[in-house]
Protein backbone atom coordinates (compact mmCIF):
# COMPACT_ATOMS: atom_id res chain seq x y z
CA MET A 1 98.77 49.48 248.61
CA ILE A 2 97.00 46.27 247.05
CA ARG A 3 98.15 45.67 243.44
CA ILE A 4 98.18 42.42 241.03
CA ALA A 5 101.08 40.17 241.54
CA GLN A 6 103.90 40.07 239.04
CA ALA A 7 106.75 37.60 238.24
CA ALA A 8 109.26 39.57 239.97
CA ASP A 9 107.37 39.22 243.44
CA ALA A 10 108.05 35.39 243.46
CA ALA A 11 110.95 35.65 246.04
CA ALA A 12 109.10 37.72 248.59
CA ILE A 13 105.96 35.45 247.93
CA HIS A 14 108.05 32.29 248.37
CA ALA A 15 109.54 33.84 251.39
CA ILE A 16 105.92 34.41 253.06
CA TYR A 17 105.24 30.93 251.94
CA ALA A 18 108.39 29.18 253.24
CA PRO A 19 107.26 28.60 256.99
CA HIS A 20 104.06 27.41 256.20
CA VAL A 21 105.50 24.49 254.05
CA GLU A 22 108.39 23.61 256.43
CA SER A 23 106.73 24.04 259.83
CA GLY A 24 103.22 24.72 259.66
CA VAL A 25 99.75 23.19 258.17
CA ALA A 26 98.15 25.92 256.58
CA THR A 27 99.31 24.08 253.37
CA PHE A 28 99.96 20.40 252.99
CA GLU A 29 102.69 21.06 250.74
CA ASN A 30 105.86 19.85 252.25
CA VAL A 31 108.74 20.53 249.83
CA LEU A 32 109.60 24.15 249.26
CA PRO A 33 108.97 25.02 245.59
CA GLY A 34 111.56 27.66 245.24
CA ALA A 35 111.29 31.07 243.95
CA ASP A 36 111.09 30.02 240.03
CA ALA A 37 108.19 27.46 240.72
CA MET A 38 106.20 30.44 242.64
CA ARG A 39 106.89 32.43 239.64
CA GLU A 40 105.39 29.97 237.34
CA ARG A 41 102.16 29.51 239.57
CA ILE A 42 101.64 33.29 239.59
CA LEU A 43 101.97 33.53 235.78
CA ALA A 44 99.73 30.21 235.28
CA ARG A 45 96.99 31.41 237.48
CA LEU A 46 96.86 35.29 236.65
CA PRO A 47 95.31 34.58 233.36
CA HIS A 48 92.04 33.38 234.89
CA TYR A 49 92.07 34.24 238.44
CA PRO A 50 93.07 37.01 240.89
CA TRP A 51 96.65 36.97 242.59
CA LEU A 52 97.16 39.95 244.99
CA VAL A 53 99.68 41.21 246.83
CA TRP A 54 99.76 44.05 249.76
CA GLU A 55 102.92 46.11 249.40
CA ALA A 56 104.24 48.58 251.67
CA SER A 57 107.42 50.68 251.46
CA GLY A 58 108.37 48.43 248.55
CA GLU A 59 108.05 45.38 250.46
CA VAL A 60 105.44 42.60 249.96
CA LEU A 61 103.69 41.76 253.36
CA ALA A 62 101.02 39.55 252.05
CA TYR A 63 99.37 37.79 249.06
CA ALA A 64 95.95 36.33 248.50
CA TYR A 65 94.84 34.32 245.38
CA ALA A 66 92.02 32.36 243.78
CA GLY A 67 91.98 29.30 242.02
CA ARG A 68 90.24 26.40 240.21
CA PHE A 69 87.95 24.60 242.74
CA ARG A 70 87.33 21.50 240.57
CA GLU A 71 88.28 20.41 236.85
CA ARG A 72 84.70 20.21 235.70
CA ALA A 73 83.25 22.92 233.70
CA ALA A 74 80.05 22.89 236.12
CA TYR A 75 82.50 24.19 238.85
CA ASP A 76 83.35 27.52 236.78
CA TRP A 77 81.45 29.73 238.97
CA ILE A 78 83.34 28.72 242.20
CA ALA A 79 87.07 29.06 243.24
CA GLU A 80 88.96 28.36 246.35
CA THR A 81 91.15 31.22 248.10
CA SER A 82 94.18 31.60 249.93
CA ILE A 83 95.98 34.31 251.72
CA TYR A 84 99.26 34.16 253.40
CA VAL A 85 100.74 37.20 255.51
CA HIS A 86 104.22 37.67 256.74
CA PRO A 87 104.89 38.11 260.36
CA ASP A 88 105.59 41.85 259.97
CA GLY A 89 101.97 42.36 258.31
CA GLN A 90 100.09 40.47 261.06
CA ARG A 91 97.56 42.17 263.30
CA ARG A 92 97.45 45.46 261.22
CA GLY A 93 94.21 44.82 259.38
CA ILE A 94 96.16 43.86 256.00
CA ALA A 95 94.60 40.19 255.84
CA ARG A 96 91.19 41.68 255.92
CA ARG A 97 91.40 44.35 253.59
CA LEU A 98 93.63 42.27 251.13
CA TYR A 99 91.09 39.06 251.25
CA GLY A 100 88.16 41.47 251.09
CA THR A 101 89.55 42.83 247.40
CA LEU A 102 90.21 39.51 246.37
CA LEU A 103 86.74 38.66 246.83
CA GLU A 104 85.34 41.95 245.15
CA ALA A 105 87.62 41.04 242.29
CA MET A 106 86.20 37.59 242.13
CA CYS A 107 82.57 39.45 242.13
CA LEU A 108 83.70 41.40 239.32
CA GLN A 109 85.15 38.31 237.09
CA GLY A 110 81.32 36.71 237.60
CA LEU A 111 82.25 34.11 240.36
CA THR A 112 79.41 33.41 242.61
CA GLN A 113 81.08 31.25 245.35
CA ALA A 114 84.50 31.37 247.23
CA VAL A 115 85.72 28.50 249.10
CA GLY A 116 88.27 28.54 252.15
CA VAL A 117 89.79 25.37 252.99
CA ILE A 118 91.35 25.37 256.61
CA THR A 119 93.35 22.65 258.43
CA LEU A 120 91.88 22.26 261.69
CA PRO A 121 91.67 23.13 264.53
CA GLY A 122 92.84 26.58 262.90
CA ALA A 123 90.77 28.68 265.23
CA SER A 124 92.08 31.96 263.95
CA SER A 125 91.59 31.05 260.47
CA VAL A 126 88.24 30.07 261.12
CA ALA A 127 87.51 33.05 262.89
CA PHE A 128 89.12 35.04 260.27
CA HIS A 129 86.78 33.43 257.44
CA GLU A 130 83.71 33.56 259.66
CA SER A 131 84.13 37.04 260.04
CA LEU A 132 84.02 37.79 256.33
CA GLY A 133 80.84 35.82 256.01
CA PHE A 134 81.99 32.41 255.15
CA THR A 135 79.93 29.79 256.72
CA PRO A 136 81.06 25.80 257.36
CA ALA A 137 80.22 23.60 254.55
CA GLY A 138 81.92 20.34 255.83
CA VAL A 139 84.88 18.56 257.11
CA TRP A 140 87.32 16.20 255.44
CA ARG A 141 88.42 13.70 258.39
CA GLN A 142 92.27 12.90 258.84
CA CYS A 143 92.87 13.59 254.73
CA GLY A 144 96.19 15.07 255.33
CA TRP A 145 99.41 13.60 256.77
CA LYS A 146 101.81 16.37 257.75
CA LEU A 147 104.43 16.85 260.77
CA ASP A 148 103.94 13.16 261.69
CA GLN A 149 100.23 13.48 262.21
CA TRP A 150 96.69 13.28 260.46
CA TRP A 151 95.06 16.59 260.18
CA ASP A 152 91.15 17.30 259.58
CA VAL A 153 90.42 19.78 256.92
CA GLY A 154 87.43 22.19 256.97
CA VAL A 155 85.67 23.76 254.06
CA TRP A 156 84.08 27.22 254.50
CA GLN A 157 82.06 28.74 251.73
CA LYS A 158 80.86 32.08 250.86
CA THR A 159 78.23 33.46 248.50
CA LEU A 160 79.56 36.40 246.45
CA GLN A 161 76.51 37.10 244.67
CA PRO A 162 73.52 35.44 243.64
CA ALA A 163 73.53 32.83 240.66
CA ALA A 164 72.13 33.65 237.31
CA PHE A 165 69.99 31.39 235.44
CA PRO A 166 71.68 30.66 233.10
CA PRO A 167 74.94 31.78 234.44
CA PRO A 168 77.06 34.15 232.29
CA ALA A 169 80.62 33.08 231.33
CA VAL A 170 83.25 34.03 234.03
CA THR A 171 85.37 36.85 232.73
CA PRO A 172 89.21 35.59 232.74
CA PHE A 173 91.26 37.96 235.36
CA SER A 174 93.37 38.82 232.39
CA ALA A 175 90.35 40.51 230.68
CA LEU A 176 89.31 42.05 234.08
CA ALA A 177 92.86 43.19 235.05
CA ALA A 178 92.83 46.23 232.50
CA THR A 179 89.22 47.37 233.35
CA PRO A 180 88.17 50.59 235.08
CA ALA A 181 86.13 48.50 237.60
CA LEU A 182 89.47 46.75 238.61
CA ARG A 183 91.71 49.80 238.68
CA ALA A 184 88.65 51.46 240.96
CA LEU A 185 88.80 48.64 243.15
CA LEU A 186 92.60 48.48 243.50
CA ASP A 187 92.72 52.37 243.90
CA ARG A 188 90.38 52.36 246.83
CA THR A 189 92.95 50.37 248.92
CA THR A 190 95.80 52.79 248.49
């Protein structure tokens, strides 16, 4: 089932994230943040953006979240997205369903654009994002140093809904979380 992340999920989320920090390039973070820091990240993000988990038999197998793209107010209608899946949850359709639900929740908030940032070459991540309707928006060349080499980063963008003129304010996720619309969205995934 897909549900909103909770502070109590921090240890499980950290365990999924740790291999990417220690030996992967899906994130450029190179020092493990720890479960306490992950808990703070969840709690800091949830008032504004969705952070969802896929839970099966009481175990968190994946998580996906959105976050602020840039600090300037003009960017309020666009958010960056991320997803991480435990090895036990891969190749089961979990990522597609969880990420799809995240994107739908972002639509309910009034966000109009989603951005995926992918360390290149990242063929599987590129294919995954493009299968969900993301399109290439640019490449930042040799912008990240990790695992003793420079990495390019690609940006993929997806229009979630047409932009309004003028745009209404984005609904904070904390306000959306208690609505029947979000409940219906999450209930569809059980």
